[in-house]
Amino acid sequence: MRFYLTSLFAKDWVQNKLKGNIVFISSTHSKVVRTHPMYSVSKAGIEMFVKESALELAKYGIKVNAVAPGIVVDSENPEPNNLVPLGVNQQPLDIGEVVEFLVSDKARFITGETVVVDGGFSLTHTHYWLRDKRL
């Protein structure tokens, strides 16, 4: 469905000579193995689609990017999480602010990228497994 909708928007924007931004939501599951293969594969597919689409649509002034969040908790007080280097789970606002940045003029030269927003979790995932003797 994402791919179909993207092609509809892109076709309309190109025909009407409109520039714009498309931002997908991926997941750190595309980068870190967590025993959810179908979900992980779908997120990795989104990230490759972002790259391919960005390359194809750049000449029309259409940028395509993605955000890959980690563990998200919808709470007023972020819960401590010792598996995340920054020490707490992220909140939806953390993701929203990155999306807002990607569609702003401040990101005018960014396309085809996936921004990981996970407090450093994907950097250290294997480290924690080794430390806790799970591997």
N, C-alpha and C. Protein backbone atom coordinates (compact mmCIF):
# COMPACT_ATOMS: atom_id res chain seq x y z
N MET A 1 0.82 -1.18 0.00
CA MET A 1 0.00 0.00 0.00
C MET A 1 0.88 1.27 0.00
N ARG A 2 1.96 1.26 0.82
CA ARG A 2 2.84 2.44 0.87
C ARG A 2 3.40 2.76 -0.51
N PHE A 3 3.78 1.71 -1.22
CA PHE A 3 4.41 1.91 -2.52
C PHE A 3 3.40 2.44 -3.53
N TYR A 4 2.19 1.93 -3.46
CA TYR A 4 1.13 2.38 -4.36
C TYR A 4 0.80 3.85 -4.09
N LEU A 5 0.62 4.21 -2.83
CA LEU A 5 0.30 5.60 -2.48
C LEU A 5 1.44 6.54 -2.89
N THR A 6 2.67 6.11 -2.67
CA THR A 6 3.82 6.93 -3.07
C THR A 6 3.80 7.19 -4.57
N SER A 7 3.52 6.16 -5.34
CA SER A 7 3.51 6.34 -6.79
C SER A 7 2.38 7.28 -7.21
N LEU A 8 1.23 7.22 -6.53
CA LEU A 8 0.13 8.13 -6.86
C LEU A 8 0.50 9.58 -6.55
N PHE A 9 1.06 9.81 -5.36
CA PHE A 9 1.48 11.17 -5.00
C PHE A 9 2.55 11.67 -5.95
N ALA A 10 3.56 10.85 -6.18
CA ALA A 10 4.68 11.26 -7.03
C ALA A 10 4.20 11.59 -8.44
N LYS A 11 3.34 10.77 -8.97
CA LYS A 11 2.82 11.01 -10.32
C LYS A 11 2.09 12.35 -10.38
N ASP A 12 1.25 12.61 -9.41
CA ASP A 12 0.51 13.88 -9.35
C ASP A 12 1.46 15.07 -9.21
N TRP A 13 2.43 14.95 -8.31
CA TRP A 13 3.37 16.05 -8.08
C TRP A 13 4.21 16.33 -9.33
N VAL A 14 4.67 15.27 -9.99
CA VAL A 14 5.48 15.45 -11.19
C VAL A 14 4.63 16.12 -12.28
N GLN A 15 3.41 15.64 -12.50
CA GLN A 15 2.54 16.21 -13.54
C GLN A 15 2.23 17.68 -13.28
N ASN A 16 2.09 18.05 -12.00
CA ASN A 16 1.75 19.42 -11.63
C ASN A 16 2.97 20.26 -11.26
N LYS A 17 4.14 19.70 -11.50
CA LYS A 17 5.41 20.39 -11.22
C LYS A 17 5.50 20.89 -9.76
N LEU A 18 5.07 20.03 -8.85
CA LEU A 18 5.13 20.32 -7.42
C LEU A 18 6.34 19.65 -6.80
N LYS A 19 6.99 20.35 -5.91
CA LYS A 19 8.08 19.76 -5.13
C LYS A 19 7.51 19.35 -3.79
N GLY A 20 8.15 18.40 -3.14
CA GLY A 20 7.63 17.97 -1.85
C GLY A 20 8.54 17.00 -1.15
N ASN A 21 8.04 16.51 -0.02
CA ASN A 21 8.77 15.57 0.82
C ASN A 21 7.89 14.37 1.14
N ILE A 22 8.48 13.22 1.07
CA ILE A 22 7.81 12.00 1.50
C ILE A 22 8.66 11.42 2.61
N VAL A 23 8.04 11.12 3.75
CA VAL A 23 8.77 10.55 4.89
C VAL A 23 8.07 9.27 5.32
N PHE A 24 8.80 8.19 5.32
CA PHE A 24 8.31 6.90 5.78
C PHE A 24 8.74 6.67 7.22
N ILE A 25 8.00 5.84 7.91
CA ILE A 25 8.41 5.40 9.24
C ILE A 25 8.88 3.96 9.11
N SER A 26 10.13 3.75 9.44
CA SER A 26 10.72 2.42 9.41
C SER A 26 10.84 1.93 10.85
N SER A 27 11.92 1.29 11.18
CA SER A 27 12.14 0.78 12.53
C SER A 27 13.59 0.33 12.66
N THR A 28 14.09 0.32 13.87
CA THR A 28 15.43 -0.22 14.07
C THR A 28 15.46 -1.73 13.81
N HIS A 29 14.28 -2.33 13.67
CA HIS A 29 14.22 -3.75 13.30
C HIS A 29 14.88 -3.99 11.94
N SER A 30 14.99 -2.95 11.12
CA SER A 30 15.65 -3.11 9.83
C SER A 30 17.16 -3.23 9.97
N LYS A 31 17.68 -2.90 11.14
CA LYS A 31 19.13 -2.87 11.37
C LYS A 31 19.61 -3.85 12.43
N VAL A 32 18.73 -4.19 13.36
CA VAL A 32 19.10 -5.03 14.50
C VAL A 32 18.21 -6.27 14.50
N VAL A 33 18.81 -7.43 14.56
CA VAL A 33 18.05 -8.68 14.59
C VAL A 33 17.35 -8.82 15.93
N ARG A 34 16.03 -9.01 15.87
CA ARG A 34 15.26 -9.16 17.11
C ARG A 34 14.20 -10.26 16.99
N THR A 35 14.46 -11.22 16.17
CA THR A 35 13.60 -12.41 16.00
C THR A 35 12.16 -12.08 15.61
N HIS A 36 12.00 -11.11 14.73
CA HIS A 36 10.71 -10.80 14.12
C HIS A 36 10.95 -10.65 12.62
N PRO A 37 11.27 -11.75 11.93
CA PRO A 37 11.78 -11.65 10.56
C PRO A 37 10.85 -10.97 9.57
N MET A 38 9.57 -11.23 9.60
CA MET A 38 8.68 -10.63 8.61
C MET A 38 8.59 -9.12 8.81
N TYR A 39 8.50 -8.68 10.05
CA TYR A 39 8.46 -7.25 10.35
C TYR A 39 9.78 -6.59 9.94
N SER A 40 10.89 -7.23 10.30
CA SER A 40 12.21 -6.68 9.98
C SER A 40 12.41 -6.56 8.48
N VAL A 41 12.03 -7.58 7.74
CA VAL A 41 12.17 -7.55 6.29
C VAL A 41 11.31 -6.43 5.69
N SER A 42 10.11 -6.22 6.20
CA SER A 42 9.25 -5.17 5.66
C SER A 42 9.87 -3.80 5.91
N LYS A 43 10.50 -3.60 7.05
CA LYS A 43 11.13 -2.32 7.36
C LYS A 43 12.39 -2.11 6.54
N ALA A 44 13.16 -3.17 6.33
CA ALA A 44 14.34 -3.07 5.46
C ALA A 44 13.92 -2.76 4.02
N GLY A 45 12.80 -3.34 3.60
CA GLY A 45 12.27 -3.05 2.27
C GLY A 45 11.87 -1.60 2.12
N ILE A 46 11.28 -1.03 3.15
CA ILE A 46 10.93 0.39 3.12
C ILE A 46 12.18 1.23 2.93
N GLU A 47 13.23 0.89 3.63
CA GLU A 47 14.45 1.70 3.55
C GLU A 47 15.09 1.63 2.17
N MET A 48 15.03 0.48 1.51
CA MET A 48 15.55 0.40 0.13
C MET A 48 14.61 1.14 -0.82
N PHE A 49 13.32 1.07 -0.58
CA PHE A 49 12.36 1.82 -1.39
C PHE A 49 12.61 3.32 -1.26
N VAL A 50 12.96 3.78 -0.07
CA VAL A 50 13.30 5.18 0.16
C VAL A 50 14.48 5.57 -0.73
N LYS A 51 15.51 4.76 -0.76
CA LYS A 51 16.70 5.07 -1.57
C LYS A 51 16.37 5.10 -3.06
N GLU A 52 15.68 4.08 -3.51
CA GLU A 52 15.32 3.99 -4.94
C GLU A 52 14.41 5.16 -5.34
N SER A 53 13.42 5.45 -4.52
CA SER A 53 12.48 6.54 -4.82
C SER A 53 13.18 7.89 -4.79
N ALA A 54 14.06 8.07 -3.81
CA ALA A 54 14.78 9.34 -3.71
C ALA A 54 15.60 9.59 -4.97
N LEU A 55 16.26 8.56 -5.45
CA LEU A 55 17.06 8.71 -6.66
C LEU A 55 16.18 9.02 -7.87
N GLU A 56 15.08 8.32 -7.96
CA GLU A 56 14.17 8.49 -9.10
C GLU A 56 13.47 9.86 -9.10
N LEU A 57 13.13 10.36 -7.92
CA LEU A 57 12.33 11.58 -7.83
C LEU A 57 13.13 12.86 -7.61
N ALA A 58 14.42 12.74 -7.34
CA ALA A 58 15.24 13.92 -7.05
C ALA A 58 15.18 14.95 -8.18
N LYS A 59 15.19 14.50 -9.41
CA LYS A 59 15.19 15.44 -10.54
C LYS A 59 13.91 16.27 -10.62
N TYR A 60 12.89 15.85 -9.88
CA TYR A 60 11.64 16.60 -9.84
C TYR A 60 11.50 17.45 -8.57
N GLY A 61 12.54 17.46 -7.75
CA GLY A 61 12.50 18.24 -6.52
C GLY A 61 11.70 17.58 -5.41
N ILE A 62 11.56 16.27 -5.50
CA ILE A 62 10.84 15.51 -4.47
C ILE A 62 11.87 14.73 -3.66
N LYS A 63 11.86 14.95 -2.35
CA LYS A 63 12.79 14.26 -1.46
C LYS A 63 12.04 13.13 -0.75
N VAL A 64 12.75 12.02 -0.56
CA VAL A 64 12.18 10.86 0.10
C VAL A 64 13.15 10.41 1.19
N ASN A 65 12.65 10.32 2.41
CA ASN A 65 13.47 9.90 3.55
C ASN A 65 12.64 9.02 4.47
N ALA A 66 13.29 8.51 5.50
CA ALA A 66 12.60 7.69 6.49
C ALA A 66 13.15 7.99 7.88
N VAL A 67 12.36 7.64 8.86
CA VAL A 67 12.77 7.70 10.27
C VAL A 67 12.63 6.30 10.83
N ALA A 68 13.67 5.83 11.54
CA ALA A 68 13.66 4.50 12.13
C ALA A 68 13.71 4.62 13.65
N PRO A 69 12.54 4.60 14.29
CA PRO A 69 12.52 4.69 15.75
C PRO A 69 12.86 3.35 16.40
N GLY A 70 13.25 3.45 17.65
CA GLY A 70 13.47 2.27 18.47
C GLY A 70 12.27 2.05 19.37
N ILE A 71 12.51 1.75 20.62
CA ILE A 71 11.45 1.48 21.58
C ILE A 71 10.75 2.80 21.92
N VAL A 72 9.43 2.84 21.71
CA VAL A 72 8.66 4.05 21.96
C VAL A 72 7.66 3.79 23.08
N VAL A 73 7.61 4.70 24.03
CA VAL A 73 6.65 4.60 25.13
C VAL A 73 5.85 5.90 25.15
N ASP A 74 4.55 5.77 25.11
CA ASP A 74 3.69 6.95 25.16
C ASP A 74 3.35 7.26 26.61
N SER A 75 4.19 8.06 27.21
CA SER A 75 4.05 8.38 28.63
C SER A 75 4.58 9.79 28.86
N GLU A 76 4.03 10.48 29.84
CA GLU A 76 4.52 11.83 30.14
C GLU A 76 5.91 11.80 30.75
N ASN A 77 6.23 10.74 31.43
CA ASN A 77 7.55 10.59 32.04
C ASN A 77 8.25 9.40 31.40
N PRO A 78 9.28 9.66 30.60
CA PRO A 78 9.99 8.54 29.97
C PRO A 78 10.49 7.54 31.01
N GLU A 79 10.23 6.28 30.74
CA GLU A 79 10.64 5.23 31.66
C GLU A 79 12.13 4.95 31.50
N PRO A 80 12.81 4.67 32.60
CA PRO A 80 14.22 4.28 32.50
C PRO A 80 14.34 2.98 31.70
N ASN A 81 15.40 2.88 30.92
CA ASN A 81 15.66 1.67 30.16
C ASN A 81 17.17 1.51 30.06
N ASN A 82 17.70 0.54 30.77
CA ASN A 82 19.16 0.38 30.80
C ASN A 82 19.72 -0.24 29.53
N LEU A 83 18.88 -0.63 28.58
CA LEU A 83 19.37 -1.14 27.30
C LEU A 83 19.57 -0.02 26.28
N VAL A 84 19.09 1.17 26.60
CA VAL A 84 19.23 2.33 25.72
C VAL A 84 20.33 3.21 26.29
N PRO A 85 21.40 3.48 25.54
CA PRO A 85 22.50 4.28 26.08
C PRO A 85 22.08 5.63 26.67
N LEU A 86 21.05 6.27 26.12
CA LEU A 86 20.61 7.53 26.70
C LEU A 86 19.79 7.33 27.97
N GLY A 87 19.48 6.08 28.30
CA GLY A 87 18.91 5.75 29.60
C GLY A 87 17.40 5.74 29.72
N VAL A 88 16.68 6.19 28.69
CA VAL A 88 15.21 6.18 28.76
C VAL A 88 14.64 5.76 27.41
N ASN A 89 13.38 5.30 27.44
CA ASN A 89 12.68 5.03 26.19
C ASN A 89 12.29 6.34 25.54
N GLN A 90 12.20 6.33 24.26
CA GLN A 90 11.79 7.55 23.56
C GLN A 90 10.28 7.68 23.56
N GLN A 91 9.84 8.88 23.26
CA GLN A 91 8.42 9.20 23.19
C GLN A 91 8.05 9.55 21.75
N PRO A 92 6.78 9.52 21.41
CA PRO A 92 6.37 9.86 20.04
C PRO A 92 6.88 11.22 19.57
N LEU A 93 6.97 12.19 20.47
CA LEU A 93 7.45 13.52 20.11
C LEU A 93 8.87 13.46 19.54
N ASP A 94 9.70 12.55 20.04
CA ASP A 94 11.06 12.42 19.55
C ASP A 94 11.07 12.08 18.06
N ILE A 95 10.14 11.27 17.65
CA ILE A 95 10.04 10.88 16.24
C ILE A 95 9.43 12.03 15.42
N GLY A 96 8.39 12.62 15.97
CA GLY A 96 7.72 13.73 15.28
C GLY A 96 8.64 14.89 14.98
N GLU A 97 9.54 15.18 15.90
CA GLU A 97 10.47 16.29 15.68
C GLU A 97 11.45 16.01 14.55
N VAL A 98 11.84 14.76 14.39
CA VAL A 98 12.74 14.40 13.29
C VAL A 98 11.99 14.48 11.96
N VAL A 99 10.73 14.01 11.95
CA VAL A 99 9.92 14.13 10.74
C VAL A 99 9.75 15.61 10.38
N GLU A 100 9.45 16.42 11.38
CA GLU A 100 9.30 17.85 11.14
C GLU A 100 10.58 18.44 10.53
N PHE A 101 11.72 18.04 11.03
CA PHE A 101 12.99 18.50 10.49
C PHE A 101 13.14 18.07 9.02
N LEU A 102 12.84 16.80 8.73
CA LEU A 102 13.04 16.28 7.37
C LEU A 102 12.17 16.98 6.33
N VAL A 103 11.01 17.48 6.73
CA VAL A 103 10.15 18.18 5.77
C VAL A 103 10.40 19.68 5.76
N SER A 104 11.32 20.14 6.59
CA SER A 104 11.61 21.57 6.66
C SER A 104 12.72 21.96 5.68
N ASP A 105 12.89 23.27 5.51
CA ASP A 105 13.97 23.77 4.66
C ASP A 105 15.35 23.48 5.24
N LYS A 106 15.42 23.20 6.53
CA LYS A 106 16.71 22.88 7.15
C LYS A 106 17.28 21.56 6.61
N ALA A 107 16.42 20.72 6.07
CA ALA A 107 16.85 19.43 5.51
C ALA A 107 16.80 19.47 3.99
N ARG A 108 17.00 20.64 3.42
CA ARG A 108 16.83 20.82 1.97
C ARG A 108 17.77 19.96 1.13
N PHE A 109 18.85 19.48 1.72
CA PHE A 109 19.84 18.72 0.96
C PHE A 109 19.93 17.27 1.45
N ILE A 110 18.87 16.78 2.06
CA ILE A 110 18.85 15.40 2.55
C ILE A 110 17.77 14.64 1.80
N THR A 111 18.17 13.57 1.14
CA THR A 111 17.22 12.69 0.48
C THR A 111 17.81 11.28 0.40
N GLY A 112 16.95 10.30 0.46
CA GLY A 112 17.38 8.90 0.38
C GLY A 112 17.96 8.36 1.67
N GLU A 113 17.71 9.04 2.77
CA GLU A 113 18.32 8.64 4.04
C GLU A 113 17.29 8.12 5.03
N THR A 114 17.76 7.30 5.95
CA THR A 114 16.96 6.86 7.08
C THR A 114 17.64 7.37 8.34
N VAL A 115 16.93 8.16 9.10
CA VAL A 115 17.45 8.70 10.35
C VAL A 115 17.01 7.78 11.48
N VAL A 116 17.99 7.21 12.16
CA VAL A 116 17.71 6.33 13.30
C VAL A 116 17.51 7.20 14.54
N VAL A 117 16.38 7.00 15.20
CA VAL A 117 16.05 7.75 16.41
C VAL A 117 15.75 6.71 17.49
N ASP A 118 16.81 6.28 18.19
CA ASP A 118 16.61 5.20 19.16
C ASP A 118 17.45 5.34 20.42
N GLY A 119 17.97 6.52 20.67
CA GLY A 119 18.75 6.73 21.88
C GLY A 119 20.04 5.94 21.92
N GLY A 120 20.49 5.44 20.76
CA GLY A 120 21.73 4.67 20.69
C GLY A 120 21.54 3.17 20.81
N PHE A 121 20.30 2.70 20.93
CA PHE A 121 20.05 1.27 21.13
C PHE A 121 20.65 0.41 20.03
N SER A 122 20.46 0.80 18.76
CA SER A 122 20.96 -0.04 17.67
C SER A 122 22.48 -0.07 17.61
N LEU A 123 23.13 0.90 18.22
CA LEU A 123 24.60 0.90 18.26
C LEU A 123 25.15 -0.13 19.23
N THR A 124 24.40 -0.42 20.25
CA THR A 124 24.93 -1.23 21.34
C THR A 124 24.18 -2.53 21.57
N HIS A 125 23.23 -2.84 20.72
CA HIS A 125 22.39 -4.01 20.93
C HIS A 125 23.21 -5.28 21.20
N THR A 126 24.16 -5.57 20.32
CA THR A 126 24.98 -6.77 20.50
C THR A 126 25.83 -6.68 21.76
N HIS A 127 26.31 -5.49 22.06
CA HIS A 127 27.10 -5.29 23.28
C HIS A 127 26.34 -5.75 24.52
N TYR A 128 25.07 -5.37 24.61
CA TYR A 128 24.29 -5.74 25.78
C TYR A 128 24.01 -7.24 25.82
N TRP A 129 23.81 -7.85 24.64
CA TRP A 129 23.62 -9.29 24.62
C TRP A 129 24.87 -10.01 25.11
N LEU A 130 26.03 -9.54 24.68
CA LEU A 130 27.28 -10.15 25.13
C LEU A 130 27.50 -9.91 26.62
N ARG A 131 27.25 -8.69 27.06
CA ARG A 131 27.44 -8.34 28.45
C ARG A 131 26.56 -9.19 29.37
N ASP A 132 25.33 -9.42 28.95
CA ASP A 132 24.39 -10.18 29.75
C ASP A 132 24.47 -11.69 29.48
N LYS A 133 25.50 -12.08 28.71
CA LYS A 133 25.76 -13.50 28.40
C LYS A 133 24.56 -14.18 27.74
N ARG A 134 23.90 -13.43 26.84
CA ARG A 134 22.78 -14.00 26.09
C ARG A 134 23.26 -14.55 24.75
N LEU A 135 24.52 -14.28 24.38
CA LEU A 135 25.05 -14.83 23.12
C LEU A 135 26.12 -15.85 23.44
